[in-house]
Amino acid sequence: MTFFANFKKSALELKNLRCLCVTAILIALDLVLKTFVNVQITEELKLNFAFVAVAAIGMLYGPTVAGLACLITDILGYLLKPTGSFSPLFTIIEMTGGVIYGCILYRFSPVRLEFGSGKEFGKSLADNWQPILRIVLAKVAVAVVCNLIMTPFAITIQKVFEAGTYNADVFWVGLLTRINTRLIKNAIEVPVHIAILMFALFPIKMAYNRVFKPRVSAT
């Protein structure tokens, strides 16, 4: 029941003008990062930072808002930079990623890690293993569900429609090949993404709290 209650609480956030404004800013940030900020490591591996904006929406406003934000970013992203034909399957995948971030990170309080020395850094990791574990779980869940399961299925199904014929052997060979390819890619990406979220979510939450902290009356 708590799981489904988070969706209701998140939906109620949409009544708040603050939620709409901050989410709009993060949607714009997602589009900028997705379109212009990419690091090409190899021909097959490209590092993108748009997931930080999605994770931030999930952390601040929960799964319902994050899922709707991903719906908007996917459609706007295609309109701004169309590549290939639009497929609602990939929109669903984007939304699923947002929902996962929201389910795991909603009302999450990230921690600041200490970088004074290797010993201090290790101690801060050990002392704050629970919030760090939530970040790890969120990123791994998105990688497994969206990148390793849903995306290969969506691509393979799309190939079947394009070909106009279905062959079970070809379907499963193509699916397994795509899963294996993405498994290597995600094994490299996921630790990097986890590290980025560990460093990025704390200042985002602190900036949010500072801007929107309750004002105390002087009377």
N, C-alpha and C. Protein backbone atom coordinates (compact mmCIF):
# COMPACT_ATOMS: atom_id res chain seq x y z
N MET A 1 0.82 -1.21 0.00
CA MET A 1 0.00 0.00 0.00
C MET A 1 0.85 1.25 0.00
N THR A 2 1.98 1.20 0.72
CA THR A 2 2.88 2.36 0.73
C THR A 2 3.39 2.65 -0.67
N PHE A 3 3.66 1.58 -1.44
CA PHE A 3 4.15 1.74 -2.81
C PHE A 3 3.15 2.54 -3.64
N PHE A 4 1.87 2.14 -3.61
CA PHE A 4 0.86 2.83 -4.40
C PHE A 4 0.54 4.21 -3.81
N ALA A 5 0.71 4.37 -2.50
CA ALA A 5 0.47 5.67 -1.88
C ALA A 5 1.45 6.71 -2.40
N ASN A 6 2.67 6.28 -2.74
CA ASN A 6 3.66 7.21 -3.28
C ASN A 6 3.21 7.78 -4.63
N PHE A 7 2.52 6.97 -5.43
CA PHE A 7 2.01 7.46 -6.70
C PHE A 7 0.93 8.52 -6.47
N LYS A 8 0.08 8.29 -5.46
CA LYS A 8 -0.96 9.27 -5.15
C LYS A 8 -0.35 10.57 -4.62
N LYS A 9 0.62 10.44 -3.70
CA LYS A 9 1.29 11.63 -3.17
C LYS A 9 2.00 12.39 -4.28
N SER A 10 2.62 11.65 -5.19
CA SER A 10 3.32 12.29 -6.29
C SER A 10 2.35 13.01 -7.22
N ALA A 11 1.19 12.39 -7.46
CA ALA A 11 0.17 13.03 -8.31
C ALA A 11 -0.32 14.32 -7.69
N LEU A 12 -0.44 14.35 -6.36
CA LEU A 12 -0.89 15.56 -5.68
C LEU A 12 0.13 16.70 -5.80
N GLU A 13 1.39 16.34 -6.03
CA GLU A 13 2.42 17.37 -6.23
C GLU A 13 2.11 18.24 -7.45
N LEU A 14 1.37 17.69 -8.41
CA LEU A 14 1.06 18.43 -9.63
C LEU A 14 0.15 19.62 -9.37
N LYS A 15 -0.49 19.66 -8.21
CA LYS A 15 -1.33 20.81 -7.86
C LYS A 15 -0.50 21.99 -7.40
N ASN A 16 0.78 21.74 -7.13
CA ASN A 16 1.67 22.77 -6.59
C ASN A 16 2.38 23.50 -7.73
N LEU A 17 2.26 24.82 -7.78
CA LEU A 17 2.91 25.60 -8.82
C LEU A 17 4.43 25.43 -8.78
N ARG A 18 4.98 25.27 -7.58
CA ARG A 18 6.42 25.06 -7.43
C ARG A 18 6.85 23.80 -8.18
N CYS A 19 6.08 22.74 -8.02
CA CYS A 19 6.38 21.48 -8.71
C CYS A 19 6.38 21.67 -10.22
N LEU A 20 5.39 22.36 -10.73
CA LEU A 20 5.29 22.57 -12.18
C LEU A 20 6.46 23.38 -12.71
N CYS A 21 6.85 24.42 -11.97
CA CYS A 21 7.94 25.29 -12.41
C CYS A 21 9.29 24.56 -12.37
N VAL A 22 9.56 23.90 -11.24
CA VAL A 22 10.84 23.19 -11.11
C VAL A 22 10.93 22.05 -12.11
N THR A 23 9.84 21.33 -12.28
CA THR A 23 9.83 20.22 -13.24
C THR A 23 10.06 20.74 -14.66
N ALA A 24 9.46 21.87 -14.99
CA ALA A 24 9.67 22.45 -16.32
C ALA A 24 11.14 22.80 -16.54
N ILE A 25 11.78 23.35 -15.50
CA ILE A 25 13.21 23.68 -15.61
C ILE A 25 14.04 22.42 -15.80
N LEU A 26 13.72 21.38 -15.07
CA LEU A 26 14.47 20.13 -15.18
C LEU A 26 14.20 19.43 -16.51
N ILE A 27 12.99 19.58 -17.04
CA ILE A 27 12.70 19.04 -18.37
C ILE A 27 13.56 19.75 -19.41
N ALA A 28 13.65 21.08 -19.30
CA ALA A 28 14.51 21.83 -20.22
C ALA A 28 15.96 21.41 -20.09
N LEU A 29 16.42 21.19 -18.83
CA LEU A 29 17.78 20.72 -18.60
C LEU A 29 18.00 19.35 -19.23
N ASP A 30 17.02 18.47 -19.08
CA ASP A 30 17.10 17.14 -19.70
C ASP A 30 17.28 17.24 -21.21
N LEU A 31 16.50 18.10 -21.84
CA LEU A 31 16.58 18.25 -23.29
C LEU A 31 17.93 18.79 -23.73
N VAL A 32 18.45 19.77 -22.97
CA VAL A 32 19.76 20.34 -23.30
C VAL A 32 20.85 19.29 -23.16
N LEU A 33 20.83 18.56 -22.04
CA LEU A 33 21.85 17.54 -21.80
C LEU A 33 21.76 16.42 -22.83
N LYS A 34 20.53 16.03 -23.16
CA LYS A 34 20.34 14.93 -24.11
C LYS A 34 20.76 15.33 -25.52
N THR A 35 20.58 16.61 -25.87
CA THR A 35 20.84 17.06 -27.23
C THR A 35 22.27 17.52 -27.44
N PHE A 36 22.82 18.22 -26.47
CA PHE A 36 24.10 18.88 -26.70
C PHE A 36 25.27 18.35 -25.86
N VAL A 37 24.98 17.70 -24.74
CA VAL A 37 26.07 17.27 -23.85
C VAL A 37 26.22 15.75 -23.93
N ASN A 38 27.07 15.29 -24.82
CA ASN A 38 27.33 13.87 -24.99
C ASN A 38 28.83 13.65 -25.08
N VAL A 39 29.30 12.62 -24.42
CA VAL A 39 30.72 12.27 -24.46
C VAL A 39 30.86 10.95 -25.21
N GLN A 40 31.45 11.01 -26.40
CA GLN A 40 31.63 9.82 -27.22
C GLN A 40 32.90 9.10 -26.76
N ILE A 41 32.73 7.96 -26.10
CA ILE A 41 33.87 7.21 -25.59
C ILE A 41 34.38 6.24 -26.65
N THR A 42 33.48 5.45 -27.22
CA THR A 42 33.81 4.57 -28.34
C THR A 42 32.71 4.73 -29.38
N GLU A 43 32.83 3.99 -30.47
CA GLU A 43 31.81 4.07 -31.52
C GLU A 43 30.45 3.63 -31.00
N GLU A 44 30.44 2.66 -30.08
CA GLU A 44 29.19 2.13 -29.55
C GLU A 44 28.78 2.77 -28.23
N LEU A 45 29.74 3.37 -27.53
CA LEU A 45 29.48 3.86 -26.17
C LEU A 45 29.52 5.38 -26.13
N LYS A 46 28.36 5.97 -25.78
CA LYS A 46 28.25 7.43 -25.67
C LYS A 46 27.66 7.75 -24.31
N LEU A 47 28.36 8.60 -23.56
CA LEU A 47 27.92 8.95 -22.21
C LEU A 47 27.03 10.19 -22.27
N ASN A 48 25.82 10.04 -21.74
CA ASN A 48 24.85 11.13 -21.71
C ASN A 48 24.48 11.42 -20.26
N PHE A 49 24.20 12.69 -19.94
CA PHE A 49 23.98 13.09 -18.56
C PHE A 49 22.52 13.47 -18.27
N ALA A 50 21.62 13.22 -19.23
CA ALA A 50 20.23 13.62 -19.06
C ALA A 50 19.56 12.88 -17.91
N PHE A 51 20.06 11.70 -17.56
CA PHE A 51 19.46 10.92 -16.48
C PHE A 51 19.50 11.66 -15.15
N VAL A 52 20.44 12.60 -14.99
CA VAL A 52 20.53 13.36 -13.73
C VAL A 52 19.26 14.20 -13.52
N ALA A 53 18.77 14.83 -14.58
CA ALA A 53 17.56 15.64 -14.47
C ALA A 53 16.35 14.77 -14.14
N VAL A 54 16.27 13.60 -14.78
CA VAL A 54 15.15 12.68 -14.51
C VAL A 54 15.20 12.18 -13.06
N ALA A 55 16.39 11.80 -12.61
CA ALA A 55 16.55 11.33 -11.22
C ALA A 55 16.19 12.44 -10.24
N ALA A 56 16.54 13.68 -10.56
CA ALA A 56 16.21 14.81 -9.68
C ALA A 56 14.71 15.02 -9.59
N ILE A 57 14.00 14.90 -10.71
CA ILE A 57 12.53 15.01 -10.68
C ILE A 57 11.94 13.90 -9.82
N GLY A 58 12.44 12.68 -10.00
CA GLY A 58 11.95 11.57 -9.18
C GLY A 58 12.22 11.78 -7.71
N MET A 59 13.39 12.31 -7.38
CA MET A 59 13.75 12.56 -5.99
C MET A 59 12.85 13.63 -5.37
N LEU A 60 12.58 14.68 -6.11
CA LEU A 60 11.83 15.81 -5.56
C LEU A 60 10.32 15.60 -5.55
N TYR A 61 9.80 14.96 -6.62
CA TYR A 61 8.34 14.93 -6.79
C TYR A 61 7.74 13.55 -7.04
N GLY A 62 8.54 12.50 -7.06
CA GLY A 62 7.99 11.16 -7.08
C GLY A 62 7.72 10.56 -8.44
N PRO A 63 7.20 9.32 -8.44
CA PRO A 63 7.08 8.54 -9.68
C PRO A 63 6.08 9.08 -10.70
N THR A 64 4.95 9.60 -10.23
CA THR A 64 3.94 10.10 -11.17
C THR A 64 4.47 11.29 -11.96
N VAL A 65 5.04 12.25 -11.25
CA VAL A 65 5.58 13.45 -11.92
C VAL A 65 6.76 13.07 -12.82
N ALA A 66 7.64 12.20 -12.33
CA ALA A 66 8.80 11.81 -13.12
C ALA A 66 8.38 11.07 -14.38
N GLY A 67 7.37 10.20 -14.27
CA GLY A 67 6.90 9.49 -15.46
C GLY A 67 6.30 10.43 -16.49
N LEU A 68 5.49 11.39 -16.04
CA LEU A 68 4.90 12.37 -16.97
C LEU A 68 5.97 13.27 -17.57
N ALA A 69 6.98 13.63 -16.78
CA ALA A 69 8.08 14.46 -17.29
C ALA A 69 8.83 13.73 -18.40
N CYS A 70 9.03 12.43 -18.22
CA CYS A 70 9.73 11.64 -19.25
C CYS A 70 8.89 11.52 -20.52
N LEU A 71 7.57 11.44 -20.36
CA LEU A 71 6.68 11.45 -21.52
C LEU A 71 6.87 12.73 -22.32
N ILE A 72 6.91 13.86 -21.62
CA ILE A 72 7.06 15.16 -22.28
C ILE A 72 8.44 15.29 -22.92
N THR A 73 9.50 14.89 -22.20
CA THR A 73 10.85 15.04 -22.75
C THR A 73 11.06 14.16 -23.97
N ASP A 74 10.47 12.96 -23.96
CA ASP A 74 10.63 12.08 -25.11
C ASP A 74 9.97 12.66 -26.35
N ILE A 75 8.76 13.17 -26.18
CA ILE A 75 8.05 13.75 -27.33
C ILE A 75 8.73 15.02 -27.81
N LEU A 76 9.07 15.92 -26.88
CA LEU A 76 9.76 17.16 -27.27
C LEU A 76 11.12 16.87 -27.87
N GLY A 77 11.84 15.90 -27.31
CA GLY A 77 13.14 15.54 -27.84
C GLY A 77 13.06 15.06 -29.27
N TYR A 78 12.02 14.29 -29.57
CA TYR A 78 11.86 13.83 -30.96
C TYR A 78 11.51 14.98 -31.89
N LEU A 79 10.65 15.89 -31.42
CA LEU A 79 10.26 17.03 -32.26
C LEU A 79 11.44 17.96 -32.52
N LEU A 80 12.30 18.14 -31.52
CA LEU A 80 13.45 19.01 -31.67
C LEU A 80 14.55 18.39 -32.52
N LYS A 81 14.72 17.06 -32.37
CA LYS A 81 15.79 16.38 -33.09
C LYS A 81 15.30 14.99 -33.51
N PRO A 82 14.45 14.94 -34.57
CA PRO A 82 13.89 13.65 -34.97
C PRO A 82 14.95 12.72 -35.56
N THR A 83 15.00 11.50 -35.06
CA THR A 83 15.90 10.48 -35.60
C THR A 83 15.08 9.22 -35.83
N GLY A 84 14.92 8.83 -37.08
CA GLY A 84 14.11 7.66 -37.40
C GLY A 84 12.64 7.94 -37.19
N SER A 85 11.85 6.90 -37.11
CA SER A 85 10.41 7.03 -36.91
C SER A 85 10.09 7.03 -35.42
N PHE A 86 9.05 7.78 -35.07
CA PHE A 86 8.66 7.86 -33.66
C PHE A 86 7.98 6.55 -33.25
N SER A 87 8.36 6.01 -32.11
CA SER A 87 7.76 4.77 -31.62
C SER A 87 7.31 4.97 -30.18
N PRO A 88 6.01 4.71 -29.91
CA PRO A 88 5.52 4.84 -28.53
C PRO A 88 6.16 3.83 -27.58
N LEU A 89 6.74 2.76 -28.12
CA LEU A 89 7.42 1.77 -27.26
C LEU A 89 8.56 2.42 -26.49
N PHE A 90 9.32 3.27 -27.19
CA PHE A 90 10.47 3.91 -26.53
C PHE A 90 10.01 5.01 -25.58
N THR A 91 8.85 5.61 -25.86
CA THR A 91 8.28 6.57 -24.92
C THR A 91 7.90 5.87 -23.62
N ILE A 92 7.33 4.68 -23.73
CA ILE A 92 6.98 3.89 -22.54
C ILE A 92 8.23 3.54 -21.75
N ILE A 93 9.31 3.22 -22.45
CA ILE A 93 10.57 2.89 -21.78
C ILE A 93 11.09 4.09 -21.01
N GLU A 94 11.05 5.26 -21.65
CA GLU A 94 11.48 6.49 -20.98
C GLU A 94 10.65 6.74 -19.72
N MET A 95 9.34 6.58 -19.84
CA MET A 95 8.45 6.80 -18.69
C MET A 95 8.73 5.81 -17.58
N THR A 96 9.01 4.56 -17.95
CA THR A 96 9.31 3.54 -16.95
C THR A 96 10.55 3.92 -16.15
N GLY A 97 11.57 4.43 -16.85
CA GLY A 97 12.78 4.88 -16.16
C GLY A 97 12.49 5.97 -15.15
N GLY A 98 11.66 6.94 -15.55
CA GLY A 98 11.29 8.01 -14.62
C GLY A 98 10.53 7.50 -13.42
N VAL A 99 9.61 6.56 -13.67
CA VAL A 99 8.82 5.98 -12.57
C VAL A 99 9.73 5.23 -11.60
N ILE A 100 10.71 4.49 -12.12
CA ILE A 100 11.63 3.75 -11.24
C ILE A 100 12.43 4.71 -10.37
N TYR A 101 12.97 5.76 -10.99
CA TYR A 101 13.70 6.76 -10.19
C TYR A 101 12.79 7.34 -9.11
N GLY A 102 11.55 7.65 -9.48
CA GLY A 102 10.62 8.25 -8.52
C GLY A 102 10.27 7.29 -7.39
N CYS A 103 10.06 6.01 -7.72
CA CYS A 103 9.70 5.03 -6.70
C CYS A 103 10.80 4.86 -5.66
N ILE A 104 12.05 4.87 -6.12
CA ILE A 104 13.16 4.58 -5.21
C ILE A 104 13.71 5.84 -4.54
N LEU A 105 13.69 6.96 -5.25
CA LEU A 105 14.35 8.17 -4.73
C LEU A 105 13.40 9.22 -4.16
N TYR A 106 12.09 9.01 -4.24
CA TYR A 106 11.14 10.04 -3.78
C TYR A 106 11.39 10.37 -2.31
N ARG A 107 11.51 11.68 -2.03
CA ARG A 107 11.77 12.21 -0.69
C ARG A 107 13.09 11.68 -0.12
N PHE A 108 13.98 11.40 -1.01
CA PHE A 108 15.31 10.91 -0.63
C PHE A 108 16.19 12.07 -0.19
N SER A 109 16.97 11.85 0.85
CA SER A 109 17.90 12.88 1.33
C SER A 109 19.33 12.45 1.01
N PRO A 110 19.90 12.97 -0.08
CA PRO A 110 21.27 12.59 -0.44
C PRO A 110 22.27 13.14 0.56
N VAL A 111 23.45 12.58 0.57
CA VAL A 111 24.48 12.99 1.53
C VAL A 111 25.68 13.57 0.79
N ARG A 112 26.43 14.40 1.50
CA ARG A 112 27.65 14.96 0.93
C ARG A 112 28.82 14.07 1.32
N LEU A 113 29.58 13.67 0.34
CA LEU A 113 30.74 12.82 0.59
C LEU A 113 31.97 13.69 0.85
N GLU A 114 32.85 13.22 1.70
CA GLU A 114 34.06 13.95 2.06
C GLU A 114 35.21 13.56 1.14
N PHE A 115 35.94 14.58 0.65
CA PHE A 115 37.03 14.32 -0.28
C PHE A 115 38.38 14.82 0.24
N GLY A 116 38.46 15.07 1.55
CA GLY A 116 39.71 15.57 2.12
C GLY A 116 40.86 14.61 1.93
N SER A 117 40.57 13.32 2.02
CA SER A 117 41.60 12.29 1.83
C SER A 117 40.90 11.00 1.46
N GLY A 118 41.68 10.03 1.05
CA GLY A 118 41.10 8.75 0.71
C GLY A 118 40.42 8.09 1.89
N LYS A 119 41.01 8.29 3.09
CA LYS A 119 40.44 7.72 4.31
C LYS A 119 39.10 8.37 4.63
N GLU A 120 39.03 9.70 4.52
CA GLU A 120 37.77 10.41 4.79
C GLU A 120 36.70 10.01 3.79
N PHE A 121 37.11 9.87 2.53
CA PHE A 121 36.14 9.48 1.50
C PHE A 121 35.59 8.08 1.79
N GLY A 122 36.47 7.15 2.12
CA GLY A 122 36.02 5.80 2.44
C GLY A 122 35.12 5.77 3.65
N LYS A 123 35.45 6.58 4.67
CA LYS A 123 34.62 6.63 5.88
C LYS A 123 33.24 7.21 5.58
N SER A 124 33.19 8.25 4.72
CA SER A 124 31.90 8.84 4.38
C SER A 124 31.04 7.86 3.59
N LEU A 125 31.68 7.02 2.77
CA LEU A 125 30.93 5.99 2.05
C LEU A 125 30.36 4.96 3.03
N ALA A 126 31.21 4.54 3.98
CA ALA A 126 30.78 3.53 4.95
C ALA A 126 29.68 4.07 5.87
N ASP A 127 29.80 5.32 6.30
CA ASP A 127 28.83 5.91 7.23
C ASP A 127 27.48 6.17 6.56
N ASN A 128 27.50 6.36 5.24
CA ASN A 128 26.27 6.72 4.54
C ASN A 128 25.87 5.64 3.53
N TRP A 129 26.08 4.39 3.90
CA TRP A 129 25.83 3.31 2.96
C TRP A 129 24.36 3.17 2.58
N GLN A 130 23.45 3.54 3.48
CA GLN A 130 22.03 3.38 3.17
C GLN A 130 21.55 4.32 2.05
N PRO A 131 21.81 5.65 2.14
CA PRO A 131 21.41 6.51 1.01
C PRO A 131 22.16 6.19 -0.27
N ILE A 132 23.42 5.78 -0.14
CA ILE A 132 24.18 5.41 -1.33
C ILE A 132 23.58 4.17 -1.97
N LEU A 133 23.12 3.23 -1.13
CA LEU A 133 22.49 2.01 -1.64
C LEU A 133 21.23 2.34 -2.43
N ARG A 134 20.48 3.34 -2.01
CA ARG A 134 19.27 3.73 -2.75
C ARG A 134 19.62 4.23 -4.14
N ILE A 135 20.68 4.99 -4.25
CA ILE A 135 21.13 5.46 -5.56
C ILE A 135 21.55 4.28 -6.43
N VAL A 136 22.30 3.36 -5.83
CA VAL A 136 22.75 2.17 -6.58
C VAL A 136 21.55 1.36 -7.06
N LEU A 137 20.58 1.13 -6.17
CA LEU A 137 19.40 0.35 -6.53
C LEU A 137 18.61 1.03 -7.65
N ALA A 138 18.46 2.36 -7.56
CA ALA A 138 17.72 3.10 -8.58
C ALA A 138 18.37 2.96 -9.95
N LYS A 139 19.69 3.16 -10.00
CA LYS A 139 20.39 3.11 -11.28
C LYS A 139 20.43 1.70 -11.84
N VAL A 140 20.68 0.71 -10.98
CA VAL A 140 20.72 -0.69 -11.45
C VAL A 140 19.34 -1.12 -11.93
N ALA A 141 18.28 -0.73 -11.22
CA ALA A 141 16.92 -1.09 -11.63
C ALA A 141 16.58 -0.50 -12.99
N VAL A 142 16.93 0.75 -13.22
CA VAL A 142 16.69 1.38 -14.52
C VAL A 142 17.48 0.66 -15.61
N ALA A 143 18.73 0.34 -15.33
CA ALA A 143 19.58 -0.33 -16.31
C ALA A 143 19.01 -1.70 -16.68
N VAL A 144 18.60 -2.47 -15.68
CA VAL A 144 18.11 -3.83 -15.94
C VAL A 144 16.76 -3.79 -16.65
N VAL A 145 15.81 -3.04 -16.08
CA VAL A 145 14.44 -3.05 -16.61
C VAL A 145 14.36 -2.35 -17.97
N CYS A 146 14.92 -1.14 -18.05
CA CYS A 146 14.77 -0.34 -19.27
C CYS A 146 15.80 -0.69 -20.34
N ASN A 147 17.07 -0.78 -19.94
CA ASN A 147 18.14 -0.95 -20.93
C ASN A 147 18.35 -2.38 -21.37
N LEU A 148 18.22 -3.32 -20.43
CA LEU A 148 18.55 -4.71 -20.75
C LEU A 148 17.32 -5.56 -21.10
N ILE A 149 16.14 -5.12 -20.69
CA ILE A 149 14.94 -5.91 -20.98
C ILE A 149 14.03 -5.21 -21.99
N MET A 150 13.54 -4.02 -21.63
CA MET A 150 12.54 -3.36 -22.48
C MET A 150 13.10 -2.87 -23.80
N THR A 151 14.28 -2.23 -23.79
CA THR A 151 14.83 -1.68 -25.03
C THR A 151 15.15 -2.75 -26.06
N PRO A 152 15.86 -3.85 -25.71
CA PRO A 152 16.09 -4.90 -26.72
C PRO A 152 14.79 -5.48 -27.27
N PHE A 153 13.78 -5.66 -26.42
CA PHE A 153 12.49 -6.16 -26.90
C PHE A 153 11.86 -5.16 -27.87
N ALA A 154 11.89 -3.88 -27.52
CA ALA A 154 11.29 -2.86 -28.37
C ALA A 154 11.98 -2.79 -29.74
N ILE A 155 13.30 -2.83 -29.74
CA ILE A 155 14.04 -2.79 -31.01
C ILE A 155 13.74 -4.02 -31.85
N THR A 156 13.72 -5.18 -31.21
CA THR A 156 13.46 -6.43 -31.94
C THR A 156 12.04 -6.44 -32.51
N ILE A 157 11.07 -6.00 -31.73
CA ILE A 157 9.69 -5.92 -32.22
C ILE A 157 9.59 -4.95 -33.38
N GLN A 158 10.28 -3.82 -33.28
CA GLN A 158 10.27 -2.83 -34.36
C GLN A 158 10.87 -3.42 -35.64
N LYS A 159 11.94 -4.21 -35.51
CA LYS A 159 12.55 -4.86 -36.67
C LYS A 159 11.58 -5.84 -37.33
N VAL A 160 10.80 -6.54 -36.52
CA VAL A 160 9.81 -7.47 -37.06
C VAL A 160 8.76 -6.73 -37.87
N PHE A 161 8.27 -5.60 -37.34
CA PHE A 161 7.28 -4.81 -38.07
C PHE A 161 7.85 -4.25 -39.37
N GLU A 162 9.11 -3.81 -39.32
CA GLU A 162 9.74 -3.27 -40.53
C GLU A 162 9.92 -4.36 -41.59
N ALA A 163 10.26 -5.56 -41.14
CA ALA A 163 10.46 -6.66 -42.08
C ALA A 163 9.12 -7.19 -42.61
N GLY A 164 8.08 -7.08 -41.82
CA GLY A 164 6.77 -7.55 -42.25
C GLY A 164 6.58 -9.04 -42.08
N THR A 165 7.56 -9.72 -41.56
CA THR A 165 7.47 -11.17 -41.33
C THR A 165 8.04 -11.50 -39.96
N TYR A 166 7.54 -12.62 -39.40
CA TYR A 166 8.03 -13.05 -38.09
C TYR A 166 8.64 -14.43 -38.18
N ASN A 167 9.88 -14.52 -37.71
CA ASN A 167 10.57 -15.80 -37.62
C ASN A 167 11.08 -15.94 -36.20
N ALA A 168 10.62 -16.95 -35.48
CA ALA A 168 10.93 -17.09 -34.06
C ALA A 168 12.43 -17.17 -33.81
N ASP A 169 13.14 -17.94 -34.65
CA ASP A 169 14.58 -18.09 -34.46
C ASP A 169 15.31 -16.77 -34.65
N VAL A 170 14.94 -16.05 -35.70
CA VAL A 170 15.56 -14.75 -35.98
C VAL A 170 15.24 -13.77 -34.85
N PHE A 171 14.00 -13.81 -34.36
CA PHE A 171 13.57 -12.91 -33.29
C PHE A 171 14.42 -13.11 -32.04
N TRP A 172 14.55 -14.37 -31.59
CA TRP A 172 15.25 -14.63 -30.34
C TRP A 172 16.75 -14.44 -30.48
N VAL A 173 17.31 -14.78 -31.63
CA VAL A 173 18.74 -14.54 -31.85
C VAL A 173 19.03 -13.05 -31.82
N GLY A 174 18.19 -12.27 -32.51
CA GLY A 174 18.36 -10.82 -32.52
C GLY A 174 18.20 -10.22 -31.13
N LEU A 175 17.22 -10.73 -30.38
CA LEU A 175 16.98 -10.23 -29.03
C LEU A 175 18.18 -10.50 -28.12
N LEU A 176 18.65 -11.73 -28.12
CA LEU A 176 19.78 -12.10 -27.26
C LEU A 176 21.05 -11.35 -27.65
N THR A 177 21.24 -11.12 -28.94
CA THR A 177 22.41 -10.37 -29.40
C THR A 177 22.37 -8.94 -28.88
N ARG A 178 21.20 -8.33 -28.95
CA ARG A 178 21.06 -6.95 -28.45
C ARG A 178 21.23 -6.88 -26.94
N ILE A 179 20.74 -7.89 -26.23
CA ILE A 179 20.91 -7.91 -24.78
C ILE A 179 22.39 -8.03 -24.42
N ASN A 180 23.10 -8.92 -25.11
CA ASN A 180 24.54 -9.10 -24.85
C ASN A 180 25.32 -7.83 -25.12
N THR A 181 24.98 -7.15 -26.23
CA THR A 181 25.67 -5.90 -26.57
C THR A 181 25.43 -4.85 -25.51
N ARG A 182 24.18 -4.73 -25.06
CA ARG A 182 23.84 -3.73 -24.06
C ARG A 182 24.36 -4.10 -22.68
N LEU A 183 24.55 -5.38 -22.43
CA LEU A 183 25.09 -5.81 -21.15
C LEU A 183 26.50 -5.26 -20.94
N ILE A 184 27.31 -5.33 -21.99
CA ILE A 184 28.68 -4.80 -21.92
C ILE A 184 28.64 -3.28 -21.75
N LYS A 185 27.79 -2.63 -22.53
CA LYS A 185 27.67 -1.18 -22.50
C LYS A 185 27.24 -0.70 -21.12
N ASN A 186 26.24 -1.37 -20.54
CA ASN A 186 25.72 -0.95 -19.23
C ASN A 186 26.67 -1.29 -18.10
N ALA A 187 27.46 -2.36 -18.27
CA ALA A 187 28.45 -2.69 -17.24
C ALA A 187 29.47 -1.57 -17.10
N ILE A 188 29.71 -0.83 -18.19
CA ILE A 188 30.63 0.31 -18.15
C ILE A 188 29.90 1.56 -17.66
N GLU A 189 28.69 1.78 -18.14
CA GLU A 189 27.95 3.01 -17.86
C GLU A 189 27.46 3.10 -16.42
N VAL A 190 26.89 2.01 -15.90
CA VAL A 190 26.20 2.06 -14.61
C VAL A 190 27.08 2.57 -13.47
N PRO A 191 28.32 2.07 -13.30
CA PRO A 191 29.16 2.61 -12.21
C PRO A 191 29.45 4.10 -12.38
N VAL A 192 29.62 4.53 -13.63
CA VAL A 192 29.87 5.96 -13.88
C VAL A 192 28.63 6.77 -13.52
N HIS A 193 27.46 6.29 -13.92
CA HIS A 193 26.21 6.99 -13.62
C HIS A 193 25.94 7.05 -12.12
N ILE A 194 26.25 5.96 -11.42
CA ILE A 194 26.07 5.95 -9.96
C ILE A 194 26.95 7.01 -9.31
N ALA A 195 28.21 7.08 -9.74
CA ALA A 195 29.13 8.08 -9.18
C ALA A 195 28.62 9.50 -9.46
N ILE A 196 28.11 9.73 -10.67
CA ILE A 196 27.60 11.06 -11.02
C ILE A 196 26.40 11.42 -10.15
N LEU A 197 25.50 10.48 -9.94
CA LEU A 197 24.33 10.74 -9.10
C LEU A 197 24.72 11.00 -7.65
N MET A 198 25.72 10.27 -7.16
CA MET A 198 26.20 10.48 -5.79
C MET A 198 26.71 11.90 -5.60
N PHE A 199 27.34 12.45 -6.63
CA PHE A 199 27.90 13.81 -6.53
C PHE A 199 26.87 14.89 -6.88
N ALA A 200 25.91 14.57 -7.77
CA ALA A 200 25.02 15.60 -8.29
C ALA A 200 23.75 15.81 -7.46
N LEU A 201 23.20 14.74 -6.88
CA LEU A 201 21.91 14.87 -6.21
C LEU A 201 21.98 15.70 -4.93
N PHE A 202 23.10 15.64 -4.22
CA PHE A 202 23.21 16.43 -2.99
C PHE A 202 23.12 17.94 -3.26
N PRO A 203 23.94 18.51 -4.17
CA PRO A 203 23.80 19.95 -4.41
C PRO A 203 22.45 20.34 -4.99
N ILE A 204 21.84 19.45 -5.77
CA ILE A 204 20.51 19.75 -6.31
C ILE A 204 19.49 19.86 -5.18
N LYS A 205 19.52 18.90 -4.26
CA LYS A 205 18.57 18.92 -3.13
C LYS A 205 18.85 20.10 -2.20
N MET A 206 20.13 20.41 -1.97
CA MET A 206 20.47 21.52 -1.09
C MET A 206 20.02 22.85 -1.71
N ALA A 207 20.24 23.01 -3.02
CA ALA A 207 19.81 24.23 -3.70
C ALA A 207 18.29 24.36 -3.65
N TYR A 208 17.60 23.25 -3.84
CA TYR A 208 16.13 23.25 -3.79
C TYR A 208 15.64 23.65 -2.40
N ASN A 209 16.22 23.08 -1.37
CA ASN A 209 15.81 23.40 0.01
C ASN A 209 16.11 24.86 0.36
N ARG A 210 17.24 25.36 -0.15
CA ARG A 210 17.61 26.74 0.17
C ARG A 210 16.66 27.72 -0.50
N VAL A 211 16.27 27.43 -1.74
CA VAL A 211 15.39 28.34 -2.46
C VAL A 211 13.98 28.29 -1.90
N PHE A 212 13.53 27.11 -1.54
CA PHE A 212 12.14 26.94 -1.14
C PHE A 212 11.95 26.68 0.35
N LYS A 213 12.95 27.01 1.16
CA LYS A 213 12.81 26.80 2.59
C LYS A 213 11.70 27.71 3.12
N PRO A 214 10.93 27.24 4.10
CA PRO A 214 9.83 28.06 4.66
C PRO A 214 10.36 29.37 5.23
N ARG A 215 9.66 30.44 4.90
CA ARG A 215 10.04 31.75 5.42
C ARG A 215 9.47 31.94 6.84
N VAL A 216 10.30 32.36 7.75
CA VAL A 216 9.87 32.59 9.14
C VAL A 216 9.44 34.05 9.29
N SER A 217 8.27 34.24 9.84
CA SER A 217 7.77 35.60 10.02
C SER A 217 8.59 36.34 11.07
N ALA A 218 8.83 37.62 10.84
CA ALA A 218 9.63 38.43 11.76
C ALA A 218 8.81 38.90 12.97
N THR A 219 7.49 38.72 12.92
CA THR A 219 6.64 39.18 14.02
C THR A 219 6.62 38.17 15.14
